[in-house]
Amino acid sequence: MAVISGTTSNSGFNGQLNDRLEDRMDDRLDNRLNRRQALALAAGAVAAGPASVLAQAGFATRPVRIVVPFAAGGATDVIARILGERMAQQLGQTVVVDNKPGAAGLIGGEMVVRSAPDGLTLLLGTTSTMLTNKYLYKKTAYDPLTDLTPLSRVCMAPIALVVTADVPASNLREFMAWAQANAGKLSYGSYGIGSHGHLACAVLSDMAGAGMAHAAYRGEALMVQDMLGGRIPIGMGSLLTLKPHIDAGKLRALAVTGTRRVPLLPEVPTFAEAGYRHEAMELSGWLAIAGPRGLPADLTRQWGEISNRAVASREGTARIIAAGFVPVDDDSPQRFGKAWAQEAPVWGRLLQSAGVQPG
């Protein structure tokens, strides 16, 4: 459990917020806000502040808890600590990052679902914990789509298709031709049954008529270990895990999921750019903040704004990009909730087409 302390005065909050927004204007991060829009955001944020509604919920005396449904040290935990630091500075209050791993994220999710809807306990979840688990397990203690309140996506989490250095393919078209020529002989790795990597590679295998076998691992580290050891030639995983091996020339990145290139690997095309369009590759996972069902509308709105400001800060944006993600600093509970509901049946179809049965 990590405890992150913030400042204690409203004037400190306002000054820090203005500094961060000015930094953001100067650097024009991601070109998403012009100067006029940034000034309007700064004025509105300082005027509204977190003090009004949040103080009524007990923020002056009680710490905020961000529950991470995975062990410390992983990508989700890294993002939670980045968020916690920036949120603590905004609120002038302690933010606790509480790791609750187990049962594919269901333990941490249930902790938040069962918490009081007072805005003091939040979940930093992933697409798997907040969406696909619904289709992977027959019985769960909660339904994420109805028992959680969407607040804001923090970042998109694209994954990359990589091959070992000895695979004779420098781009996706060459890879597909090679896979077709070796139909029935190849295996690909992913970080688990029903993972995005599993689903996307299953689609690629069907497109190429390659009949590739799926090797499911308990996490990316073991998958990469087997790739480097020459036991499997193909894998899909997070940029945070794969980037060092790509830089070392031991793995070659051919394409990334999502609708735009990733800052950490700007030279690697999306699947669509490489000529292969399918909803499995156009989707991008995400990390997002949610609260329990019944969270009041004012708290819901303010937590969405606080998350956006934490991500939009110069340090927040830079560290999220360095971790291999694409920052999202302009989301809202309404926009996130709509995307969440629209994506759910897509993931359901992909799992069904890949033959994944609920366990």
Protein backbone atom coordinates (compact mmCIF):
# COMPACT_ATOMS: atom_id res chain seq x y z
CA MET A 1 0.00 0.00 0.00
CA ALA A 2 1.44 3.37 -1.03
CA VAL A 3 0.48 6.56 0.80
CA ILE A 4 0.84 9.76 -1.20
CA SER A 5 0.45 13.05 0.65
CA GLY A 6 -0.73 16.29 -0.90
CA THR A 7 -0.56 19.93 0.05
CA THR A 8 -3.06 21.30 2.51
CA SER A 9 -4.05 24.78 1.36
CA ASN A 10 -6.47 25.85 -1.35
CA SER A 11 -4.06 28.59 -2.44
CA GLY A 12 -1.38 25.91 -2.95
CA PHE A 13 -3.83 23.90 -5.05
CA ASN A 14 -4.70 26.91 -7.20
CA GLY A 15 -1.08 27.89 -7.73
CA GLN A 16 -0.03 24.36 -8.65
CA LEU A 17 -2.97 23.98 -11.01
CA ASN A 18 -2.17 27.26 -12.76
CA ASP A 19 1.48 26.24 -13.08
CA ARG A 20 0.53 22.93 -14.63
CA LEU A 21 -1.92 24.47 -17.05
CA GLU A 22 0.60 27.12 -18.10
CA ASP A 23 3.16 24.39 -18.69
CA ARG A 24 0.61 22.56 -20.76
CA MET A 25 -0.13 25.68 -22.82
CA ASP A 26 3.54 26.39 -23.43
CA ASP A 27 4.29 22.87 -24.52
CA ARG A 28 0.98 22.46 -26.41
CA LEU A 29 0.80 18.85 -25.31
CA ASP A 30 -0.75 16.73 -28.03
CA ASN A 31 -2.17 19.92 -29.65
CA ARG A 32 -5.53 19.28 -28.02
CA LEU A 33 -5.99 22.68 -26.39
CA ASN A 34 -5.25 26.08 -27.87
CA ARG A 35 -4.32 28.93 -25.58
CA ARG A 36 -7.84 30.33 -25.32
CA GLN A 37 -9.29 26.95 -24.40
CA ALA A 38 -6.55 26.35 -21.83
CA LEU A 39 -7.17 29.72 -20.18
CA ALA A 40 -10.87 28.96 -19.97
CA LEU A 41 -10.12 25.57 -18.42
CA ALA A 42 -7.78 27.17 -15.88
CA ALA A 43 -10.33 29.78 -14.89
CA GLY A 44 -13.11 27.22 -14.53
CA ALA A 45 -10.98 24.76 -12.59
CA VAL A 46 -9.72 27.33 -10.11
CA ALA A 47 -13.18 28.82 -9.63
CA ALA A 48 -14.87 25.46 -9.07
CA GLY A 49 -11.93 23.73 -7.38
CA PRO A 50 -12.38 20.45 -5.55
CA ALA A 51 -13.21 22.14 -2.28
CA SER A 52 -17.01 22.53 -2.53
CA VAL A 53 -18.49 19.08 -3.14
CA LEU A 54 -15.40 17.10 -2.18
CA ALA A 55 -15.10 18.79 1.21
CA GLN A 56 -18.70 17.89 1.97
CA ALA A 57 -17.81 14.23 1.33
CA GLY A 58 -15.18 14.24 4.07
CA PHE A 59 -12.08 14.91 2.00
CA ALA A 60 -10.74 17.30 4.62
CA THR A 61 -10.20 14.53 7.16
CA ARG A 62 -10.19 11.18 5.32
CA PRO A 63 -7.73 9.85 2.71
CA VAL A 64 -8.75 8.91 -0.82
CA ARG A 65 -8.14 5.26 -1.74
CA ILE A 66 -7.30 4.15 -5.28
CA VAL A 67 -7.72 0.38 -5.47
CA VAL A 68 -5.47 -1.36 -8.00
CA PRO A 69 -6.67 -4.93 -8.68
CA PHE A 70 -3.13 -6.13 -9.48
CA ALA A 71 0.13 -6.57 -7.60
CA ALA A 72 2.52 -3.68 -7.06
CA GLY A 73 5.06 -3.03 -9.79
CA GLY A 74 2.91 -3.68 -12.84
CA ALA A 75 1.76 -1.19 -15.45
CA THR A 76 -1.57 -0.46 -13.74
CA ASP A 77 0.20 0.13 -10.45
CA VAL A 78 2.64 2.54 -12.13
CA ILE A 79 -0.23 4.59 -13.57
CA ALA A 80 -2.05 4.57 -10.21
CA ARG A 81 0.96 6.12 -8.48
CA ILE A 82 1.29 8.78 -11.16
CA LEU A 83 -2.39 9.62 -10.71
CA GLY A 84 -2.17 9.48 -6.93
CA GLU A 85 0.66 12.00 -6.82
CA ARG A 86 -1.08 14.50 -9.09
CA MET A 87 -4.44 14.06 -7.37
CA ALA A 88 -2.91 14.52 -3.92
CA GLN A 89 -1.44 17.80 -5.06
CA GLN A 90 -4.79 18.97 -6.38
CA LEU A 91 -6.76 17.94 -3.31
CA GLY A 92 -4.26 18.81 -0.62
CA GLN A 93 -5.10 15.42 0.82
CA THR A 94 -3.55 11.99 1.22
CA VAL A 95 -4.16 9.51 -1.60
CA VAL A 96 -3.54 5.83 -0.84
CA VAL A 97 -2.76 3.35 -3.64
CA ASP A 98 -4.07 0.02 -2.37
CA ASN A 99 -3.05 -3.10 -4.32
CA LYS A 100 -5.64 -5.88 -4.11
CA PRO A 101 -4.54 -8.57 -6.59
CA GLY A 102 -6.28 -11.87 -7.22
CA ALA A 103 -8.97 -13.60 -9.27
CA ALA A 104 -8.08 -11.70 -12.47
CA GLY A 105 -8.86 -8.38 -10.82
CA LEU A 106 -12.22 -9.41 -9.38
CA ILE A 107 -11.11 -9.08 -5.76
CA GLY A 108 -10.10 -5.45 -6.12
CA GLY A 109 -13.19 -4.66 -8.16
CA GLU A 110 -15.48 -6.18 -5.55
CA MET A 111 -13.83 -4.10 -2.83
CA VAL A 112 -14.79 -0.92 -4.68
CA VAL A 113 -18.28 -2.16 -5.58
CA ARG A 114 -18.98 -2.83 -1.90
CA SER A 115 -17.60 0.52 -0.71
CA ALA A 116 -19.74 3.51 0.24
CA PRO A 117 -20.57 5.82 -2.71
CA ASP A 118 -18.83 8.77 -1.07
CA GLY A 119 -16.06 9.33 -3.59
CA LEU A 120 -13.34 8.20 -1.21
CA THR A 121 -12.78 4.74 -2.75
CA LEU A 122 -12.03 4.49 -6.47
CA LEU A 123 -10.95 1.72 -8.81
CA LEU A 124 -8.18 2.07 -11.36
CA GLY A 125 -9.20 -0.76 -13.65
CA THR A 126 -8.35 -2.08 -17.09
CA THR A 127 -10.45 -3.26 -20.00
CA SER A 128 -10.17 -6.77 -18.64
CA THR A 129 -11.19 -6.02 -15.05
CA MET A 130 -13.93 -3.56 -16.00
CA LEU A 131 -15.29 -5.21 -19.14
CA THR A 132 -14.07 -8.55 -20.53
CA ASN A 133 -14.22 -10.38 -17.19
CA LYS A 134 -17.97 -10.12 -17.63
CA TYR A 135 -17.67 -12.60 -20.51
CA LEU A 136 -14.83 -14.74 -19.16
CA TYR A 137 -16.46 -15.91 -15.93
CA LYS A 138 -19.85 -17.51 -15.44
CA LYS A 139 -20.24 -16.27 -11.90
CA THR A 140 -18.84 -13.06 -10.47
CA ALA A 141 -19.79 -11.04 -7.40
CA TYR A 142 -20.67 -8.03 -9.51
CA ASP A 143 -21.37 -6.79 -13.04
CA PRO A 144 -18.90 -3.99 -13.86
CA LEU A 145 -21.28 -2.37 -16.33
CA THR A 146 -24.01 -1.90 -13.73
CA ASP A 147 -22.20 -1.92 -10.38
CA LEU A 148 -19.53 0.68 -11.14
CA THR A 149 -19.83 4.39 -11.97
CA PRO A 150 -17.59 5.42 -14.91
CA LEU A 151 -15.52 8.52 -14.16
CA SER A 152 -12.80 8.89 -16.77
CA ARG A 153 -10.37 6.98 -18.92
CA VAL A 154 -6.82 7.80 -17.91
CA CYS A 155 -5.00 6.37 -20.91
CA MET A 156 -5.42 4.07 -23.86
CA ALA A 157 -3.40 0.86 -23.73
CA PRO A 158 -2.47 -0.30 -27.23
CA ILE A 159 -0.49 -3.49 -27.65
CA ALA A 160 2.08 -4.47 -30.26
CA LEU A 161 2.57 -7.50 -32.49
CA VAL A 162 6.20 -8.57 -32.24
CA VAL A 163 8.29 -11.32 -33.77
CA THR A 164 11.72 -12.63 -32.91
CA ALA A 165 14.72 -11.34 -34.85
CA ASP A 166 15.01 -14.51 -36.95
CA VAL A 167 11.49 -14.26 -38.42
CA PRO A 168 11.86 -13.28 -42.10
CA ALA A 169 9.35 -10.41 -41.98
CA SER A 170 10.09 -6.71 -41.64
CA ASN A 171 6.47 -5.59 -41.97
CA LEU A 172 2.97 -6.94 -41.48
CA ARG A 173 2.38 -7.99 -45.10
CA GLU A 174 5.56 -10.03 -45.12
CA PHE A 175 4.54 -11.55 -41.79
CA MET A 176 1.13 -12.60 -43.12
CA ALA A 177 2.71 -14.20 -46.18
CA TRP A 178 5.21 -16.05 -43.99
CA ALA A 179 2.47 -17.23 -41.63
CA GLN A 180 0.41 -18.50 -44.57
CA ALA A 181 3.43 -20.33 -46.01
CA ASN A 182 3.94 -22.03 -42.65
CA ALA A 183 0.30 -22.88 -41.97
CA GLY A 184 -0.16 -25.24 -39.06
CA LYS A 185 3.43 -24.87 -37.86
CA LEU A 186 3.43 -21.64 -35.84
CA SER A 187 2.49 -20.63 -32.30
CA TYR A 188 1.88 -17.17 -30.89
CA GLY A 189 1.99 -16.06 -27.28
CA SER A 190 -0.24 -13.76 -25.26
CA TYR A 191 -0.60 -12.81 -21.61
CA GLY A 192 -3.67 -14.99 -21.11
CA ILE A 193 -6.76 -16.62 -22.56
CA GLY A 194 -9.20 -13.95 -23.66
CA SER A 195 -6.57 -11.22 -23.59
CA HIS A 196 -6.47 -8.63 -26.35
CA GLY A 197 -3.30 -10.23 -27.70
CA HIS A 198 -5.02 -13.61 -27.89
CA LEU A 199 -8.04 -12.21 -29.74
CA ALA A 200 -6.10 -10.06 -32.20
CA CYS A 201 -3.68 -12.87 -33.12
CA ALA A 202 -6.58 -15.28 -33.57
CA VAL A 203 -8.07 -12.88 -36.12
CA LEU A 204 -4.72 -12.51 -37.90
CA SER A 205 -4.35 -16.28 -38.04
CA ASP A 206 -7.78 -16.59 -39.64
CA MET A 207 -6.99 -13.80 -42.13
CA ALA A 208 -3.82 -15.58 -43.22
CA GLY A 209 -5.29 -19.08 -43.07
CA ALA A 210 -2.28 -19.90 -40.90
CA GLY A 211 -3.86 -22.10 -38.23
CA MET A 212 -1.55 -20.67 -35.58
CA ALA A 213 -1.74 -22.21 -32.11
CA HIS A 214 -2.25 -20.02 -29.04
CA ALA A 215 0.22 -20.26 -26.17
CA ALA A 216 -1.38 -18.60 -23.15
CA TYR A 217 0.98 -17.37 -20.44
CA ARG A 218 0.41 -16.14 -16.92
CA GLY A 219 1.70 -12.67 -17.68
CA GLU A 220 3.93 -11.08 -20.28
CA ALA A 221 7.28 -11.76 -18.62
CA LEU A 222 7.01 -15.50 -19.22
CA MET A 223 5.86 -14.96 -22.81
CA VAL A 224 8.85 -12.73 -23.56
CA GLN A 225 11.18 -15.20 -21.87
CA ASP A 226 10.01 -17.95 -24.22
CA MET A 227 10.29 -15.67 -27.25
CA LEU A 228 13.86 -14.73 -26.38
CA GLY A 229 14.60 -18.41 -25.73
CA GLY A 230 13.44 -19.36 -29.22
CA ARG A 231 10.40 -21.38 -28.11
CA ILE A 232 7.78 -19.21 -29.82
CA PRO A 233 8.36 -16.70 -32.64
CA ILE A 234 5.29 -14.46 -32.27
CA GLY A 235 3.71 -12.53 -29.44
CA MET A 236 1.49 -9.60 -28.55
CA GLY A 237 1.87 -7.51 -25.45
CA SER A 238 2.23 -4.12 -23.82
CA LEU A 239 4.75 -1.56 -24.96
CA LEU A 240 6.11 -1.17 -21.44
CA THR A 241 7.23 -4.82 -21.42
CA LEU A 242 8.29 -5.14 -25.05
CA LYS A 243 10.08 -1.85 -25.69
CA PRO A 244 13.46 -2.75 -24.11
CA HIS A 245 13.67 -5.90 -26.23
CA ILE A 246 12.62 -4.03 -29.35
CA ASP A 247 15.30 -1.42 -28.70
CA ALA A 248 17.86 -4.20 -28.18
CA GLY A 249 16.98 -5.72 -31.56
CA LYS A 250 15.84 -9.00 -30.04
CA LEU A 251 12.20 -8.45 -30.98
CA ARG A 252 10.75 -6.64 -34.00
CA ALA A 253 7.51 -4.66 -33.75
CA LEU A 254 5.27 -4.93 -36.82
CA ALA A 255 2.06 -3.13 -35.84
CA VAL A 256 0.14 -1.66 -32.92
CA THR A 257 -3.56 -1.80 -32.10
CA GLY A 258 -5.79 1.26 -31.96
CA THR A 259 -6.57 4.04 -34.39
CA ARG A 260 -3.36 6.04 -34.16
CA ARG A 261 0.34 5.48 -33.65
CA VAL A 262 1.79 5.31 -30.18
CA PRO A 263 4.23 7.99 -28.94
CA LEU A 264 6.61 5.39 -27.53
CA LEU A 265 6.91 3.61 -30.94
CA PRO A 266 6.14 6.36 -33.47
CA GLU A 267 7.73 4.47 -36.36
CA VAL A 268 5.46 1.42 -35.95
CA PRO A 269 2.19 1.61 -37.96
CA THR A 270 -1.25 0.68 -36.74
CA PHE A 271 -2.76 -2.47 -38.21
CA ALA A 272 -5.07 -0.33 -40.34
CA GLU A 273 -2.12 1.65 -41.72
CA ALA A 274 -0.41 -1.64 -42.52
CA GLY A 275 -3.45 -2.69 -44.57
CA TYR A 276 -5.32 -4.94 -42.12
CA ARG A 277 -8.60 -3.59 -40.77
CA HIS A 278 -10.64 -5.44 -38.19
CA GLU A 279 -12.40 -4.41 -34.99
CA ALA A 280 -10.04 -6.64 -32.99
CA MET A 281 -7.10 -4.47 -34.06
CA GLU A 282 -8.87 -1.12 -34.10
CA LEU A 283 -9.85 -1.51 -30.47
CA SER A 284 -7.42 -0.34 -27.85
CA GLY A 285 -7.58 -1.34 -24.25
CA TRP A 286 -7.64 1.35 -21.59
CA LEU A 287 -6.99 2.13 -17.96
CA ALA A 288 -9.78 4.05 -16.28
CA ILE A 289 -11.10 5.40 -13.01
CA ALA A 290 -14.47 4.25 -11.68
CA GLY A 291 -16.38 4.48 -8.42
CA PRO A 292 -19.11 2.35 -6.87
CA ARG A 293 -22.69 2.47 -8.11
CA GLY A 294 -24.71 5.35 -6.70
CA LEU A 295 -21.91 7.91 -6.67
CA PRO A 296 -23.61 11.36 -6.63
CA ALA A 297 -23.58 13.31 -9.89
CA ASP A 298 -21.49 16.18 -8.50
CA LEU A 299 -18.81 13.83 -7.21
CA THR A 300 -18.85 11.91 -10.48
CA ARG A 301 -18.31 15.07 -12.50
CA GLN A 302 -15.58 16.42 -10.23
CA TRP A 303 -13.63 13.17 -10.16
CA GLY A 304 -13.69 13.14 -13.97
CA GLU A 305 -12.26 16.66 -13.99
CA ILE A 306 -9.62 15.84 -11.37
CA SER A 307 -8.50 12.81 -13.41
CA ASN A 308 -8.23 14.92 -16.57
CA ARG A 309 -6.12 17.54 -14.81
CA ALA A 310 -3.83 14.88 -13.32
CA VAL A 311 -3.21 13.39 -16.77
CA ALA A 312 -2.87 16.80 -18.48
CA SER A 313 -0.07 17.97 -16.21
CA ARG A 314 3.32 18.01 -17.89
CA GLU A 315 4.71 15.33 -15.57
CA GLY A 316 1.58 13.20 -15.75
CA THR A 317 1.53 13.20 -19.54
CA ALA A 318 5.26 12.52 -19.87
CA ARG A 319 5.26 9.64 -17.41
CA ILE A 320 2.17 8.00 -18.95
CA ILE A 321 3.76 8.15 -22.41
CA ALA A 322 7.02 6.74 -21.01
CA ALA A 323 5.04 3.82 -19.60
CA GLY A 324 3.83 2.96 -23.11
CA PHE A 325 0.32 4.40 -22.97
CA VAL A 326 -1.56 7.19 -24.75
CA PRO A 327 -2.79 9.83 -22.26
CA VAL A 328 -6.49 10.76 -22.19
CA ASP A 329 -7.01 14.17 -20.61
CA ASP A 330 -10.31 15.20 -22.18
CA ASP A 331 -12.69 12.43 -21.12
CA SER A 332 -15.91 12.77 -19.13
CA PRO A 333 -18.11 10.31 -17.21
CA GLN A 334 -20.71 10.53 -19.99
CA ARG A 335 -18.24 9.96 -22.81
CA PHE A 336 -16.50 7.14 -20.98
CA GLY A 337 -19.79 5.49 -20.05
CA LYS A 338 -20.97 5.57 -23.66
CA ALA A 339 -17.72 4.09 -24.98
CA TRP A 340 -17.76 1.45 -22.23
CA ALA A 341 -21.25 0.31 -23.19
CA GLN A 342 -20.51 0.36 -26.93
CA GLU A 343 -17.31 -1.67 -26.61
CA ALA A 344 -18.76 -4.38 -24.40
CA PRO A 345 -20.58 -6.35 -27.14
CA VAL A 346 -17.55 -6.03 -29.44
CA TRP A 347 -15.32 -7.75 -26.91
CA GLY A 348 -18.06 -10.31 -26.35
CA ARG A 349 -18.16 -11.16 -30.07
CA LEU A 350 -14.38 -11.43 -30.28
CA LEU A 351 -14.21 -13.81 -27.34
CA GLN A 352 -16.96 -15.95 -28.82
CA SER A 353 -15.33 -16.07 -32.26
CA ALA A 354 -12.03 -17.09 -30.67
CA GLY A 355 -13.80 -19.99 -28.97
CA VAL A 356 -13.28 -18.68 -25.43
CA GLN A 357 -15.80 -20.28 -23.09
CA PRO A 358 -16.74 -18.70 -19.74
CA GLY A 359 -15.11 -20.51 -16.87
